[in-house]
């Protein structure tokens, strides 16, 4: 506690890489899960996308980059036969 009996301010991770490593150690895999669990580590910022100006994107931050390209799902149209 500080001199005024107030809690010391929390020091956040200085880089998104440090925060990402902590997130991956907690096995947090999505923004929704991050929102629910980020308080498990007080050094994680509330909104990493805003806090880190060079935020790399969710796939990189959460460590779930795809090894293969995703194939888009094609919608099929049913046509009436005359």
N, C-alpha and C. Protein backbone atom coordinates (compact mmCIF):
# COMPACT_ATOMS: atom_id res chain seq x y z
N UNK A 1 0.84 -1.18 0.00
CA UNK A 1 0.00 0.00 0.00
C UNK A 1 0.89 1.25 0.00
N UNK A 2 0.35 2.28 -0.60
CA UNK A 2 1.09 3.52 -0.68
C UNK A 2 1.02 4.30 0.62
N UNK A 3 1.58 5.48 0.61
CA UNK A 3 1.63 6.32 1.81
C UNK A 3 0.22 6.72 2.27
N UNK A 4 -0.72 6.82 1.36
CA UNK A 4 -2.09 7.21 1.72
C UNK A 4 -3.00 6.01 1.96
N UNK A 5 -2.38 4.85 2.23
CA UNK A 5 -3.13 3.61 2.39
C UNK A 5 -3.93 3.24 1.15
N UNK A 6 -3.52 3.75 0.00
CA UNK A 6 -4.16 3.36 -1.25
C UNK A 6 -3.29 2.30 -1.92
N UNK A 7 -3.91 1.40 -2.67
CA UNK A 7 -3.12 0.35 -3.30
C UNK A 7 -2.15 0.93 -4.33
N UNK A 8 -1.02 0.27 -4.49
CA UNK A 8 -0.03 0.68 -5.49
C UNK A 8 -0.65 0.50 -6.87
N UNK A 9 -0.34 1.41 -7.80
CA UNK A 9 -0.87 1.24 -9.15
C UNK A 9 -0.29 0.00 -9.82
N UNK A 10 -1.08 -0.65 -10.63
CA UNK A 10 -0.65 -1.84 -11.32
C UNK A 10 0.21 -1.46 -12.52
N UNK A 11 1.32 -2.13 -12.66
CA UNK A 11 2.20 -1.89 -13.80
C UNK A 11 1.81 -2.88 -14.89
N UNK A 12 1.36 -2.37 -16.04
CA UNK A 12 0.95 -3.21 -17.16
C UNK A 12 2.18 -3.70 -17.93
N UNK A 13 1.99 -4.76 -18.69
CA UNK A 13 3.06 -5.21 -19.57
C UNK A 13 3.38 -4.10 -20.56
N UNK A 14 4.65 -3.85 -20.78
CA UNK A 14 5.06 -2.76 -21.66
C UNK A 14 4.84 -3.06 -23.14
N UNK A 15 4.88 -4.32 -23.52
CA UNK A 15 4.71 -4.69 -24.93
C UNK A 15 3.60 -5.70 -25.08
N UNK A 16 3.03 -5.73 -26.29
CA UNK A 16 1.98 -6.72 -26.55
C UNK A 16 2.57 -8.13 -26.52
N UNK A 17 3.87 -8.26 -26.85
CA UNK A 17 4.50 -9.58 -26.82
C UNK A 17 4.53 -10.15 -25.41
N UNK A 18 4.85 -9.30 -24.43
CA UNK A 18 4.85 -9.76 -23.03
C UNK A 18 3.44 -10.13 -22.59
N UNK A 19 2.47 -9.30 -22.94
CA UNK A 19 1.09 -9.59 -22.58
C UNK A 19 0.61 -10.86 -23.27
N UNK A 20 0.98 -11.03 -24.52
CA UNK A 20 0.60 -12.22 -25.28
C UNK A 20 1.15 -13.49 -24.64
N UNK A 21 2.39 -13.43 -24.21
CA UNK A 21 3.00 -14.58 -23.54
C UNK A 21 2.21 -14.94 -22.27
N UNK A 22 1.82 -13.93 -21.50
CA UNK A 22 1.04 -14.17 -20.29
C UNK A 22 -0.33 -14.76 -20.62
N UNK A 23 -0.95 -14.25 -21.67
CA UNK A 23 -2.26 -14.74 -22.10
C UNK A 23 -2.16 -16.21 -22.52
N UNK A 24 -1.11 -16.53 -23.26
CA UNK A 24 -0.94 -17.91 -23.72
C UNK A 24 -0.62 -18.85 -22.57
N UNK A 25 0.08 -18.36 -21.55
CA UNK A 25 0.34 -19.19 -20.36
C UNK A 25 -0.96 -19.49 -19.61
N UNK A 26 -1.91 -18.55 -19.66
CA UNK A 26 -3.22 -18.76 -19.03
C UNK A 26 -4.16 -19.56 -19.94
N UNK A 27 -3.72 -19.86 -21.14
CA UNK A 27 -4.50 -20.56 -22.16
C UNK A 27 -5.82 -19.83 -22.43
N UNK A 28 -5.72 -18.53 -22.64
CA UNK A 28 -6.86 -17.73 -23.05
C UNK A 28 -6.81 -17.69 -24.56
N UNK A 29 -7.91 -18.10 -25.22
CA UNK A 29 -7.86 -18.31 -26.66
C UNK A 29 -8.74 -17.39 -27.49
N UNK A 30 -9.45 -16.45 -26.87
CA UNK A 30 -10.32 -15.58 -27.64
C UNK A 30 -10.57 -14.27 -26.89
N UNK A 31 -11.01 -13.25 -27.62
CA UNK A 31 -11.33 -11.99 -26.95
C UNK A 31 -12.42 -12.13 -25.88
N UNK A 32 -13.39 -12.98 -26.13
CA UNK A 32 -14.47 -13.19 -25.15
C UNK A 32 -13.91 -13.81 -23.88
N UNK A 33 -13.08 -14.82 -24.04
CA UNK A 33 -12.46 -15.46 -22.87
C UNK A 33 -11.52 -14.50 -22.16
N UNK A 34 -10.82 -13.66 -22.91
CA UNK A 34 -9.93 -12.65 -22.33
C UNK A 34 -10.71 -11.72 -21.42
N UNK A 35 -11.84 -11.25 -21.92
CA UNK A 35 -12.68 -10.33 -21.14
C UNK A 35 -13.11 -10.97 -19.81
N UNK A 36 -13.42 -12.26 -19.86
CA UNK A 36 -13.88 -12.98 -18.66
C UNK A 36 -12.75 -13.29 -17.69
N UNK A 37 -11.52 -13.50 -18.21
CA UNK A 37 -10.45 -14.02 -17.37
C UNK A 37 -9.26 -13.11 -17.16
N UNK A 38 -9.22 -11.93 -17.78
CA UNK A 38 -8.02 -11.10 -17.73
C UNK A 38 -7.63 -10.71 -16.31
N UNK A 39 -8.57 -10.68 -15.39
CA UNK A 39 -8.25 -10.29 -14.01
C UNK A 39 -7.43 -11.35 -13.27
N UNK A 40 -7.24 -12.51 -13.90
CA UNK A 40 -6.37 -13.53 -13.31
C UNK A 40 -4.92 -13.05 -13.29
N UNK A 41 -4.61 -12.07 -14.13
CA UNK A 41 -3.28 -11.47 -14.16
C UNK A 41 -3.48 -9.96 -14.20
N UNK A 42 -3.21 -9.29 -13.10
CA UNK A 42 -3.50 -7.86 -12.97
C UNK A 42 -2.67 -6.99 -13.92
N UNK A 43 -1.65 -7.55 -14.52
CA UNK A 43 -0.81 -6.77 -15.44
C UNK A 43 -1.39 -6.70 -16.86
N UNK A 44 -2.45 -7.45 -17.12
CA UNK A 44 -3.07 -7.43 -18.45
C UNK A 44 -4.00 -6.23 -18.57
N UNK A 45 -3.89 -5.48 -19.66
CA UNK A 45 -4.76 -4.31 -19.83
C UNK A 45 -6.19 -4.72 -20.19
N UNK A 46 -7.14 -3.84 -19.91
CA UNK A 46 -8.54 -4.13 -20.19
C UNK A 46 -8.77 -4.33 -21.69
N UNK A 47 -8.20 -3.43 -22.50
CA UNK A 47 -8.40 -3.48 -23.95
C UNK A 47 -7.04 -3.47 -24.65
N UNK A 48 -6.46 -4.65 -24.85
CA UNK A 48 -5.12 -4.68 -25.46
C UNK A 48 -5.08 -4.08 -26.87
N UNK A 49 -6.16 -4.17 -27.62
CA UNK A 49 -6.18 -3.60 -28.98
C UNK A 49 -5.96 -2.10 -28.95
N UNK A 50 -6.40 -1.45 -27.90
CA UNK A 50 -6.25 0.00 -27.76
C UNK A 50 -4.96 0.33 -27.00
N UNK A 51 -4.66 -0.44 -25.99
CA UNK A 51 -3.50 -0.17 -25.12
C UNK A 51 -2.19 -0.26 -25.91
N UNK A 52 -2.08 -1.27 -26.79
CA UNK A 52 -0.87 -1.46 -27.57
C UNK A 52 -1.10 -0.93 -28.99
N UNK A 53 -0.43 0.16 -29.31
CA UNK A 53 -0.62 0.79 -30.63
C UNK A 53 -0.21 -0.13 -31.77
N UNK A 54 0.71 -1.05 -31.52
CA UNK A 54 1.16 -1.98 -32.56
C UNK A 54 0.55 -3.37 -32.39
N UNK A 55 -0.66 -3.43 -31.81
CA UNK A 55 -1.37 -4.70 -31.60
C UNK A 55 -1.42 -5.49 -32.91
N UNK A 56 -1.00 -6.75 -32.89
CA UNK A 56 -0.84 -7.49 -34.14
C UNK A 56 -2.10 -8.16 -34.68
N UNK A 57 -3.17 -8.15 -33.91
CA UNK A 57 -4.38 -8.88 -34.29
C UNK A 57 -4.60 -10.04 -33.33
N UNK A 58 -5.84 -10.47 -33.25
CA UNK A 58 -6.20 -11.50 -32.27
C UNK A 58 -5.49 -12.83 -32.50
N UNK A 59 -5.37 -13.28 -33.76
CA UNK A 59 -4.74 -14.59 -34.00
C UNK A 59 -3.33 -14.63 -33.45
N UNK A 60 -2.57 -13.58 -33.67
CA UNK A 60 -1.19 -13.53 -33.18
C UNK A 60 -1.16 -13.37 -31.66
N UNK A 61 -1.97 -12.44 -31.14
CA UNK A 61 -1.97 -12.17 -29.71
C UNK A 61 -2.35 -13.39 -28.89
N UNK A 62 -3.36 -14.14 -29.34
CA UNK A 62 -3.81 -15.31 -28.60
C UNK A 62 -3.07 -16.58 -28.99
N UNK A 63 -2.17 -16.47 -29.96
CA UNK A 63 -1.35 -17.61 -30.35
C UNK A 63 -2.09 -18.69 -31.09
N UNK A 64 -3.07 -18.30 -31.87
CA UNK A 64 -3.85 -19.31 -32.59
C UNK A 64 -3.82 -19.04 -34.09
N UNK A 65 -2.62 -18.72 -34.61
CA UNK A 65 -2.48 -18.49 -36.04
C UNK A 65 -2.77 -19.78 -36.79
N UNK A 66 -3.44 -19.62 -37.91
CA UNK A 66 -3.81 -20.78 -38.71
C UNK A 66 -2.62 -21.25 -39.52
N UNK A 67 -2.38 -22.58 -39.55
CA UNK A 67 -1.30 -23.14 -40.36
C UNK A 67 -1.73 -23.25 -41.82
N UNK A 68 -3.02 -23.40 -42.02
CA UNK A 68 -3.54 -23.55 -43.37
C UNK A 68 -4.49 -22.42 -43.66
N UNK A 69 -4.63 -22.11 -44.95
CA UNK A 69 -5.58 -21.08 -45.33
C UNK A 69 -6.98 -21.59 -45.11
N UNK A 70 -7.86 -20.69 -44.70
CA UNK A 70 -9.25 -21.07 -44.53
C UNK A 70 -9.95 -21.03 -45.87
N UNK A 71 -10.75 -22.04 -46.13
CA UNK A 71 -11.49 -22.10 -47.38
C UNK A 71 -12.86 -21.49 -47.15
N UNK A 72 -13.24 -20.50 -47.95
CA UNK A 72 -14.55 -19.89 -47.75
C UNK A 72 -15.67 -20.88 -48.07
N UNK A 73 -16.74 -20.76 -47.32
CA UNK A 73 -17.89 -21.62 -47.54
C UNK A 73 -18.72 -21.01 -48.66
N UNK A 74 -19.05 -21.82 -49.65
CA UNK A 74 -19.85 -21.33 -50.77
C UNK A 74 -21.32 -21.57 -50.49
N UNK A 75 -22.11 -20.55 -50.75
CA UNK A 75 -23.55 -20.70 -50.60
C UNK A 75 -24.11 -21.18 -51.94
N UNK A 76 -25.01 -22.10 -51.86
CA UNK A 76 -25.60 -22.60 -53.10
C UNK A 76 -27.01 -22.04 -53.22
N UNK A 77 -27.36 -21.71 -54.45
CA UNK A 77 -28.70 -21.21 -54.71
C UNK A 77 -29.52 -22.32 -55.33
N UNK A 78 -30.72 -22.46 -54.85
CA UNK A 78 -31.61 -23.42 -55.49
C UNK A 78 -32.38 -22.66 -56.57
N UNK A 79 -32.39 -23.21 -57.74
CA UNK A 79 -33.11 -22.57 -58.82
C UNK A 79 -34.31 -23.40 -59.20
N UNK A 80 -35.36 -22.72 -59.57
CA UNK A 80 -36.59 -23.41 -59.98
C UNK A 80 -36.46 -23.83 -61.43
N UNK A 81 -36.87 -25.04 -61.70
CA UNK A 81 -36.86 -25.52 -63.09
C UNK A 81 -38.21 -25.23 -63.69
N UNK A 82 -38.23 -24.77 -64.94
CA UNK A 82 -39.49 -24.44 -65.60
C UNK A 82 -40.06 -25.61 -66.32
